Amino acid sequence: MEKVDDLKAAVAVIILDKDNHVLLQKRADVGLWGIPSGHIEIGETVSEAAIREVKEETNLDIRIKKLIGVYSDPHSQVFTYPNGKTVHFITTCFLAEITGGELCCNSSESLEIKFFEQQNLPKDLLRMHPRWLEDALADREAAFVR
């Protein structure tokens, strides 16, 4: 395993529209597309962090529907940023539905926000995110632990 500089607790939120298109953001930090996600702040629960991150990045209000899984495998959860810092993420991933707000890119963290057909996702997708989406679409009752 590569040298890891930090360990971070994170959340990711899969949001599908009425046509089952998936919401993705083009991230300003790495220039890649991904599921809305971010770090958990001190004093926050994972669900509070998920709701906050989605609001910050998309301007949408959400309700968490279910836990998709918890992801910690270093083979998929270690990411090296362009500045050279390598972080091992432990990510709690949720499925959520939109309850309000209006979709807009209102964060310095996002270059673009939009819905994609599941069979037509962008090629420049963060490497760990396809697994999260696949697990969300598996329609399994129990959460994944990977």
N, C-alpha and C. Protein backbone atom coordinates (compact mmCIF):
# COMPACT_ATOMS: atom_id res chain seq x y z
N MET A 1 0.84 -1.19 0.00
CA MET A 1 0.00 0.00 0.00
C MET A 1 0.88 1.24 0.00
N GLU A 2 0.44 2.27 -0.72
CA GLU A 2 1.19 3.51 -0.78
C GLU A 2 1.18 4.22 0.57
N LYS A 3 2.12 5.16 0.72
CA LYS A 3 2.18 5.95 1.95
C LYS A 3 0.93 6.81 2.06
N VAL A 4 0.27 6.75 3.21
CA VAL A 4 -0.96 7.51 3.44
C VAL A 4 -0.64 8.62 4.43
N ASP A 5 -1.06 9.84 4.08
CA ASP A 5 -0.80 11.01 4.93
C ASP A 5 -1.88 11.26 5.96
N ASP A 6 -3.10 10.79 5.68
CA ASP A 6 -4.21 11.13 6.57
C ASP A 6 -5.32 10.10 6.43
N LEU A 7 -6.14 10.00 7.47
CA LEU A 7 -7.34 9.17 7.48
C LEU A 7 -8.52 10.10 7.74
N LYS A 8 -9.55 10.03 6.89
CA LYS A 8 -10.69 10.94 7.02
C LYS A 8 -12.00 10.17 7.00
N ALA A 9 -12.93 10.59 7.85
CA ALA A 9 -14.30 10.09 7.81
C ALA A 9 -15.07 10.93 6.81
N ALA A 10 -15.81 10.27 5.92
CA ALA A 10 -16.52 10.98 4.86
C ALA A 10 -17.91 10.41 4.65
N VAL A 11 -18.70 11.16 3.90
CA VAL A 11 -20.03 10.73 3.49
C VAL A 11 -20.17 10.90 1.99
N ALA A 12 -21.04 10.10 1.40
CA ALA A 12 -21.40 10.23 -0.01
C ALA A 12 -22.91 10.02 -0.10
N VAL A 13 -23.53 10.72 -1.04
CA VAL A 13 -24.99 10.66 -1.14
C VAL A 13 -25.39 10.44 -2.59
N ILE A 14 -26.06 9.32 -2.82
CA ILE A 14 -26.57 9.01 -4.15
C ILE A 14 -28.00 9.52 -4.23
N ILE A 15 -28.23 10.36 -5.24
CA ILE A 15 -29.54 10.97 -5.45
C ILE A 15 -29.98 10.63 -6.87
N LEU A 16 -31.16 10.04 -6.98
CA LEU A 16 -31.74 9.70 -8.28
C LEU A 16 -32.96 10.59 -8.51
N ASP A 17 -33.13 11.04 -9.75
CA ASP A 17 -34.33 11.82 -10.06
C ASP A 17 -35.47 10.87 -10.41
N LYS A 18 -36.61 11.43 -10.80
CA LYS A 18 -37.80 10.61 -11.09
C LYS A 18 -37.58 9.64 -12.25
N ASP A 19 -36.59 9.93 -13.10
CA ASP A 19 -36.27 9.05 -14.22
C ASP A 19 -35.09 8.12 -13.92
N ASN A 20 -34.70 8.06 -12.66
CA ASN A 20 -33.57 7.25 -12.19
C ASN A 20 -32.22 7.69 -12.76
N HIS A 21 -32.11 8.97 -13.11
CA HIS A 21 -30.81 9.54 -13.47
C HIS A 21 -30.08 9.87 -12.18
N VAL A 22 -28.76 9.73 -12.19
CA VAL A 22 -27.97 9.94 -10.98
C VAL A 22 -27.33 11.33 -11.00
N LEU A 23 -27.36 11.98 -9.85
CA LEU A 23 -26.78 13.31 -9.71
C LEU A 23 -25.27 13.20 -9.47
N LEU A 24 -24.50 13.90 -10.28
CA LEU A 24 -23.05 13.94 -10.13
C LEU A 24 -22.57 15.39 -10.11
N GLN A 25 -21.42 15.58 -9.48
CA GLN A 25 -20.80 16.90 -9.46
C GLN A 25 -19.41 16.77 -10.06
N LYS A 26 -19.02 17.77 -10.83
CA LYS A 26 -17.63 17.84 -11.31
C LYS A 26 -16.88 18.63 -10.26
N ARG A 27 -15.94 17.96 -9.60
CA ARG A 27 -15.26 18.52 -8.43
C ARG A 27 -14.15 19.48 -8.84
N ALA A 28 -14.12 20.62 -8.16
CA ALA A 28 -13.11 21.63 -8.45
C ALA A 28 -11.72 21.19 -8.01
N ASP A 29 -11.62 20.37 -6.96
CA ASP A 29 -10.30 20.01 -6.43
C ASP A 29 -9.53 19.05 -7.33
N VAL A 30 -10.24 18.18 -8.04
CA VAL A 30 -9.55 17.18 -8.87
C VAL A 30 -10.00 17.19 -10.33
N GLY A 31 -11.05 17.96 -10.65
CA GLY A 31 -11.53 18.05 -12.02
C GLY A 31 -12.23 16.81 -12.53
N LEU A 32 -12.65 15.92 -11.63
CA LEU A 32 -13.32 14.68 -12.00
C LEU A 32 -14.77 14.72 -11.52
N TRP A 33 -15.61 13.90 -12.16
CA TRP A 33 -17.00 13.77 -11.76
C TRP A 33 -17.10 12.80 -10.59
N GLY A 34 -18.10 13.01 -9.73
CA GLY A 34 -18.32 12.11 -8.63
C GLY A 34 -19.68 12.32 -7.98
N ILE A 35 -20.02 11.41 -7.14
CA ILE A 35 -21.23 11.49 -6.33
C ILE A 35 -20.99 12.58 -5.29
N PRO A 36 -22.00 13.41 -4.99
CA PRO A 36 -21.79 14.43 -3.95
C PRO A 36 -21.28 13.77 -2.66
N SER A 37 -20.19 14.31 -2.16
CA SER A 37 -19.53 13.71 -1.00
C SER A 37 -18.69 14.75 -0.29
N GLY A 38 -18.26 14.40 0.91
CA GLY A 38 -17.41 15.33 1.66
C GLY A 38 -17.07 14.78 3.03
N HIS A 39 -16.32 15.58 3.76
CA HIS A 39 -15.84 15.18 5.08
C HIS A 39 -16.91 15.43 6.15
N ILE A 40 -16.86 14.61 7.18
CA ILE A 40 -17.69 14.81 8.36
C ILE A 40 -16.96 15.80 9.26
N GLU A 41 -17.67 16.81 9.71
CA GLU A 41 -17.08 17.81 10.59
C GLU A 41 -17.22 17.36 12.05
N ILE A 42 -16.33 17.85 12.88
CA ILE A 42 -16.38 17.53 14.31
C ILE A 42 -17.73 17.95 14.87
N GLY A 43 -18.36 17.06 15.62
CA GLY A 43 -19.66 17.34 16.23
C GLY A 43 -20.85 16.98 15.37
N GLU A 44 -20.63 16.47 14.17
CA GLU A 44 -21.71 16.10 13.26
C GLU A 44 -21.93 14.60 13.26
N THR A 45 -23.17 14.20 13.04
CA THR A 45 -23.45 12.80 12.75
C THR A 45 -23.22 12.58 11.26
N VAL A 46 -23.15 11.32 10.84
CA VAL A 46 -22.97 11.05 9.41
C VAL A 46 -24.16 11.55 8.60
N SER A 47 -25.37 11.42 9.13
CA SER A 47 -26.54 11.89 8.38
C SER A 47 -26.58 13.42 8.31
N GLU A 48 -26.19 14.10 9.37
CA GLU A 48 -26.12 15.56 9.33
C GLU A 48 -25.08 16.02 8.30
N ALA A 49 -23.96 15.33 8.26
CA ALA A 49 -22.91 15.67 7.28
C ALA A 49 -23.41 15.46 5.86
N ALA A 50 -24.13 14.37 5.63
CA ALA A 50 -24.65 14.08 4.29
C ALA A 50 -25.62 15.17 3.84
N ILE A 51 -26.53 15.54 4.70
CA ILE A 51 -27.52 16.58 4.37
C ILE A 51 -26.82 17.91 4.12
N ARG A 52 -25.85 18.27 4.96
CA ARG A 52 -25.11 19.53 4.81
C ARG A 52 -24.32 19.55 3.51
N GLU A 53 -23.58 18.47 3.23
CA GLU A 53 -22.76 18.43 2.02
C GLU A 53 -23.61 18.59 0.76
N VAL A 54 -24.74 17.91 0.70
CA VAL A 54 -25.61 18.02 -0.47
C VAL A 54 -26.14 19.45 -0.60
N LYS A 55 -26.54 20.05 0.50
CA LYS A 55 -27.04 21.44 0.45
C LYS A 55 -25.94 22.38 -0.03
N GLU A 56 -24.73 22.23 0.51
CA GLU A 56 -23.62 23.10 0.13
C GLU A 56 -23.28 22.96 -1.35
N GLU A 57 -23.27 21.74 -1.84
CA GLU A 57 -22.76 21.49 -3.19
C GLU A 57 -23.83 21.58 -4.28
N THR A 58 -25.11 21.39 -3.93
CA THR A 58 -26.15 21.34 -4.95
C THR A 58 -27.33 22.28 -4.71
N ASN A 59 -27.44 22.82 -3.52
CA ASN A 59 -28.55 23.66 -3.08
C ASN A 59 -29.84 22.85 -2.90
N LEU A 60 -29.75 21.53 -2.86
CA LEU A 60 -30.93 20.69 -2.69
C LEU A 60 -31.10 20.28 -1.23
N ASP A 61 -32.35 20.17 -0.82
CA ASP A 61 -32.69 19.59 0.48
C ASP A 61 -33.00 18.12 0.23
N ILE A 62 -32.56 17.27 1.14
CA ILE A 62 -32.75 15.83 0.94
C ILE A 62 -33.27 15.17 2.21
N ARG A 63 -33.81 13.97 1.99
CA ARG A 63 -34.16 13.07 3.09
C ARG A 63 -33.42 11.77 2.81
N ILE A 64 -32.72 11.29 3.80
CA ILE A 64 -31.99 10.03 3.64
C ILE A 64 -32.99 8.89 3.67
N LYS A 65 -32.92 8.04 2.63
CA LYS A 65 -33.82 6.90 2.52
C LYS A 65 -33.22 5.65 3.13
N LYS A 66 -31.92 5.44 2.88
CA LYS A 66 -31.30 4.24 3.46
C LYS A 66 -29.78 4.32 3.38
N LEU A 67 -29.17 3.49 4.18
CA LEU A 67 -27.72 3.33 4.17
C LEU A 67 -27.37 2.35 3.05
N ILE A 68 -26.50 2.77 2.15
CA ILE A 68 -26.03 1.89 1.08
C ILE A 68 -24.89 1.02 1.59
N GLY A 69 -23.93 1.67 2.28
CA GLY A 69 -22.81 0.90 2.78
C GLY A 69 -21.75 1.76 3.44
N VAL A 70 -20.78 1.07 4.01
CA VAL A 70 -19.61 1.71 4.62
C VAL A 70 -18.40 1.15 3.89
N TYR A 71 -17.55 2.04 3.41
CA TYR A 71 -16.44 1.68 2.53
C TYR A 71 -15.12 2.11 3.17
N SER A 72 -14.23 1.14 3.36
CA SER A 72 -12.95 1.43 3.99
C SER A 72 -11.78 0.69 3.36
N ASP A 73 -12.01 -0.15 2.37
CA ASP A 73 -10.95 -0.95 1.76
C ASP A 73 -9.90 -0.03 1.14
N PRO A 74 -8.65 -0.11 1.62
CA PRO A 74 -7.61 0.78 1.10
C PRO A 74 -7.39 0.65 -0.41
N HIS A 75 -7.73 -0.49 -1.00
CA HIS A 75 -7.55 -0.65 -2.44
C HIS A 75 -8.47 0.26 -3.25
N SER A 76 -9.59 0.65 -2.66
CA SER A 76 -10.50 1.55 -3.38
C SER A 76 -10.70 2.89 -2.68
N GLN A 77 -10.34 2.98 -1.42
CA GLN A 77 -10.64 4.17 -0.63
C GLN A 77 -9.43 5.06 -0.34
N VAL A 78 -8.33 4.81 -1.01
CA VAL A 78 -7.16 5.69 -0.86
C VAL A 78 -7.08 6.54 -2.12
N PHE A 79 -6.97 7.84 -1.91
CA PHE A 79 -6.95 8.79 -3.03
C PHE A 79 -5.80 9.76 -2.86
N THR A 80 -5.07 10.01 -3.95
CA THR A 80 -3.99 10.99 -3.93
C THR A 80 -4.45 12.22 -4.69
N TYR A 81 -4.44 13.35 -3.99
CA TYR A 81 -4.84 14.63 -4.58
C TYR A 81 -3.72 15.17 -5.46
N PRO A 82 -4.06 16.12 -6.36
CA PRO A 82 -3.05 16.71 -7.23
C PRO A 82 -1.87 17.35 -6.48
N ASN A 83 -2.10 17.77 -5.22
CA ASN A 83 -1.01 18.37 -4.43
C ASN A 83 -0.08 17.32 -3.82
N GLY A 84 -0.38 16.02 -4.08
CA GLY A 84 0.47 14.94 -3.60
C GLY A 84 0.03 14.32 -2.28
N LYS A 85 -0.93 14.92 -1.59
CA LYS A 85 -1.41 14.38 -0.31
C LYS A 85 -2.28 13.15 -0.57
N THR A 86 -1.98 12.06 0.15
CA THR A 86 -2.72 10.81 0.01
C THR A 86 -3.57 10.59 1.25
N VAL A 87 -4.87 10.35 1.02
CA VAL A 87 -5.83 10.21 2.12
C VAL A 87 -6.56 8.87 1.98
N HIS A 88 -6.68 8.18 3.10
CA HIS A 88 -7.50 6.97 3.19
C HIS A 88 -8.85 7.40 3.76
N PHE A 89 -9.90 7.24 2.96
CA PHE A 89 -11.25 7.64 3.37
C PHE A 89 -12.02 6.44 3.89
N ILE A 90 -12.75 6.66 4.97
CA ILE A 90 -13.77 5.72 5.43
C ILE A 90 -15.08 6.43 5.14
N THR A 91 -15.81 5.93 4.15
CA THR A 91 -16.98 6.63 3.61
C THR A 91 -18.27 5.90 3.93
N THR A 92 -19.21 6.63 4.48
CA THR A 92 -20.56 6.14 4.71
C THR A 92 -21.41 6.67 3.55
N CYS A 93 -22.02 5.76 2.81
CA CYS A 93 -22.76 6.14 1.61
C CYS A 93 -24.26 5.92 1.81
N PHE A 94 -25.03 6.94 1.45
CA PHE A 94 -26.48 6.91 1.62
C PHE A 94 -27.19 7.06 0.28
N LEU A 95 -28.42 6.57 0.23
CA LEU A 95 -29.35 6.87 -0.85
C LEU A 95 -30.31 7.90 -0.29
N ALA A 96 -30.58 8.96 -1.05
CA ALA A 96 -31.45 10.03 -0.56
C ALA A 96 -32.41 10.47 -1.65
N GLU A 97 -33.48 11.14 -1.21
CA GLU A 97 -34.42 11.71 -2.15
C GLU A 97 -34.49 13.21 -1.93
N ILE A 98 -34.80 13.92 -3.00
CA ILE A 98 -34.89 15.38 -2.95
C ILE A 98 -36.23 15.76 -2.32
N THR A 99 -36.17 16.69 -1.34
CA THR A 99 -37.39 17.18 -0.70
C THR A 99 -37.62 18.66 -0.96
N GLY A 100 -36.63 19.35 -1.51
CA GLY A 100 -36.78 20.78 -1.77
C GLY A 100 -35.51 21.37 -2.33
N GLY A 101 -35.55 22.68 -2.48
CA GLY A 101 -34.41 23.39 -3.03
C GLY A 101 -34.44 23.37 -4.55
N GLU A 102 -33.53 24.11 -5.14
CA GLU A 102 -33.43 24.18 -6.60
C GLU A 102 -31.99 23.88 -6.98
N LEU A 103 -31.81 22.91 -7.87
CA LEU A 103 -30.48 22.46 -8.25
C LEU A 103 -29.67 23.61 -8.84
N CYS A 104 -28.53 23.89 -8.22
CA CYS A 104 -27.59 24.86 -8.77
C CYS A 104 -26.21 24.59 -8.19
N CYS A 105 -25.23 24.98 -8.94
CA CYS A 105 -23.84 24.80 -8.54
C CYS A 105 -23.45 26.02 -7.71
N ASN A 106 -23.63 25.91 -6.40
CA ASN A 106 -23.41 27.09 -5.56
C ASN A 106 -22.25 26.92 -4.60
N SER A 107 -21.25 26.19 -5.02
CA SER A 107 -20.12 25.93 -4.14
C SER A 107 -18.82 26.10 -4.91
N SER A 108 -17.82 26.60 -4.22
CA SER A 108 -16.50 26.69 -4.84
C SER A 108 -15.89 25.29 -5.02
N GLU A 109 -16.53 24.27 -4.44
CA GLU A 109 -16.05 22.89 -4.54
C GLU A 109 -16.51 22.20 -5.82
N SER A 110 -17.47 22.80 -6.53
CA SER A 110 -18.05 22.15 -7.71
C SER A 110 -17.90 23.04 -8.94
N LEU A 111 -17.51 22.42 -10.05
CA LEU A 111 -17.45 23.12 -11.32
C LEU A 111 -18.77 23.01 -12.07
N GLU A 112 -19.47 21.89 -11.86
CA GLU A 112 -20.73 21.63 -12.54
C GLU A 112 -21.50 20.57 -11.76
N ILE A 113 -22.82 20.64 -11.82
CA ILE A 113 -23.70 19.66 -11.16
C ILE A 113 -24.77 19.29 -12.18
N LYS A 114 -24.96 17.98 -12.41
CA LYS A 114 -26.05 17.60 -13.30
C LYS A 114 -26.39 16.12 -13.16
N PHE A 115 -27.58 15.77 -13.66
CA PHE A 115 -28.05 14.39 -13.65
C PHE A 115 -27.58 13.68 -14.92
N PHE A 116 -27.22 12.41 -14.77
CA PHE A 116 -26.78 11.57 -15.89
C PHE A 116 -27.60 10.30 -15.94
N GLU A 117 -27.85 9.82 -17.15
CA GLU A 117 -28.43 8.49 -17.30
C GLU A 117 -27.43 7.49 -16.75
N GLN A 118 -27.91 6.46 -16.09
CA GLN A 118 -27.01 5.48 -15.47
C GLN A 118 -26.12 4.78 -16.47
N GLN A 119 -26.61 4.57 -17.68
CA GLN A 119 -25.81 3.88 -18.70
C GLN A 119 -24.95 4.86 -19.51
N ASN A 120 -24.96 6.14 -19.14
CA ASN A 120 -24.21 7.14 -19.89
C ASN A 120 -23.47 8.07 -18.93
N LEU A 121 -22.75 7.48 -17.98
CA LEU A 121 -21.99 8.26 -17.00
C LEU A 121 -20.72 8.81 -17.64
N PRO A 122 -20.21 9.92 -17.13
CA PRO A 122 -18.96 10.45 -17.69
C PRO A 122 -17.80 9.48 -17.48
N LYS A 123 -16.86 9.49 -18.39
CA LYS A 123 -15.69 8.60 -18.31
C LYS A 123 -14.74 9.04 -17.19
N ASP A 124 -14.67 10.34 -16.93
CA ASP A 124 -13.75 10.86 -15.91
C ASP A 124 -14.42 10.91 -14.54
N LEU A 125 -14.75 9.71 -14.05
CA LEU A 125 -15.43 9.53 -12.77
C LEU A 125 -14.41 9.07 -11.73
N LEU A 126 -14.48 9.62 -10.53
CA LEU A 126 -13.59 9.18 -9.45
C LEU A 126 -13.66 7.67 -9.30
N ARG A 127 -12.52 7.03 -9.09
CA ARG A 127 -12.45 5.57 -9.20
C ARG A 127 -13.28 4.79 -8.18
N MET A 128 -13.53 5.36 -7.00
CA MET A 128 -14.30 4.63 -5.99
C MET A 128 -15.81 4.77 -6.18
N HIS A 129 -16.24 5.76 -6.92
CA HIS A 129 -17.67 6.08 -7.02
C HIS A 129 -18.50 5.07 -7.81
N PRO A 130 -18.00 4.43 -8.87
CA PRO A 130 -18.83 3.42 -9.55
C PRO A 130 -19.28 2.28 -8.63
N ARG A 131 -18.45 1.87 -7.70
CA ARG A 131 -18.82 0.81 -6.76
C ARG A 131 -19.99 1.26 -5.89
N TRP A 132 -19.94 2.49 -5.39
CA TRP A 132 -21.02 3.01 -4.55
C TRP A 132 -22.32 3.03 -5.33
N LEU A 133 -22.26 3.48 -6.56
CA LEU A 133 -23.46 3.54 -7.39
C LEU A 133 -23.99 2.14 -7.70
N GLU A 134 -23.10 1.23 -8.03
CA GLU A 134 -23.50 -0.15 -8.29
C GLU A 134 -24.20 -0.75 -7.07
N ASP A 135 -23.65 -0.50 -5.89
CA ASP A 135 -24.26 -1.02 -4.66
C ASP A 135 -25.63 -0.39 -4.41
N ALA A 136 -25.77 0.90 -4.69
CA ALA A 136 -27.05 1.58 -4.49
C ALA A 136 -28.11 1.02 -5.41
N LEU A 137 -27.72 0.66 -6.62
CA LEU A 137 -28.67 0.15 -7.60
C LEU A 137 -28.95 -1.35 -7.44
N ALA A 138 -28.22 -2.01 -6.55
CA ALA A 138 -28.41 -3.44 -6.33
C ALA A 138 -29.74 -3.74 -5.64
N ASP A 139 -30.36 -2.70 -5.08
CA ASP A 139 -31.66 -2.85 -4.43
C ASP A 139 -31.64 -3.95 -3.38
N ARG A 140 -30.59 -3.93 -2.58
CA ARG A 140 -30.43 -4.90 -1.51
C ARG A 140 -30.87 -4.28 -0.20
N GLU A 141 -31.51 -5.04 0.63
CA GLU A 141 -32.00 -4.53 1.91
C GLU A 141 -30.84 -4.20 2.87
N ALA A 142 -29.92 -5.15 3.01
CA ALA A 142 -28.80 -4.96 3.95
C ALA A 142 -27.73 -4.06 3.33
N ALA A 143 -27.08 -3.30 4.19
CA ALA A 143 -26.00 -2.41 3.74
C ALA A 143 -24.75 -3.23 3.40
N PHE A 144 -23.96 -2.70 2.48
CA PHE A 144 -22.69 -3.31 2.13
C PHE A 144 -21.62 -2.83 3.11
N VAL A 145 -20.66 -3.68 3.41
CA VAL A 145 -19.48 -3.28 4.19
C VAL A 145 -18.29 -3.72 3.37
N ARG A 146 -17.60 -2.75 2.82
CA ARG A 146 -16.50 -3.06 1.89
C ARG A 146 -15.26 -2.29 2.30
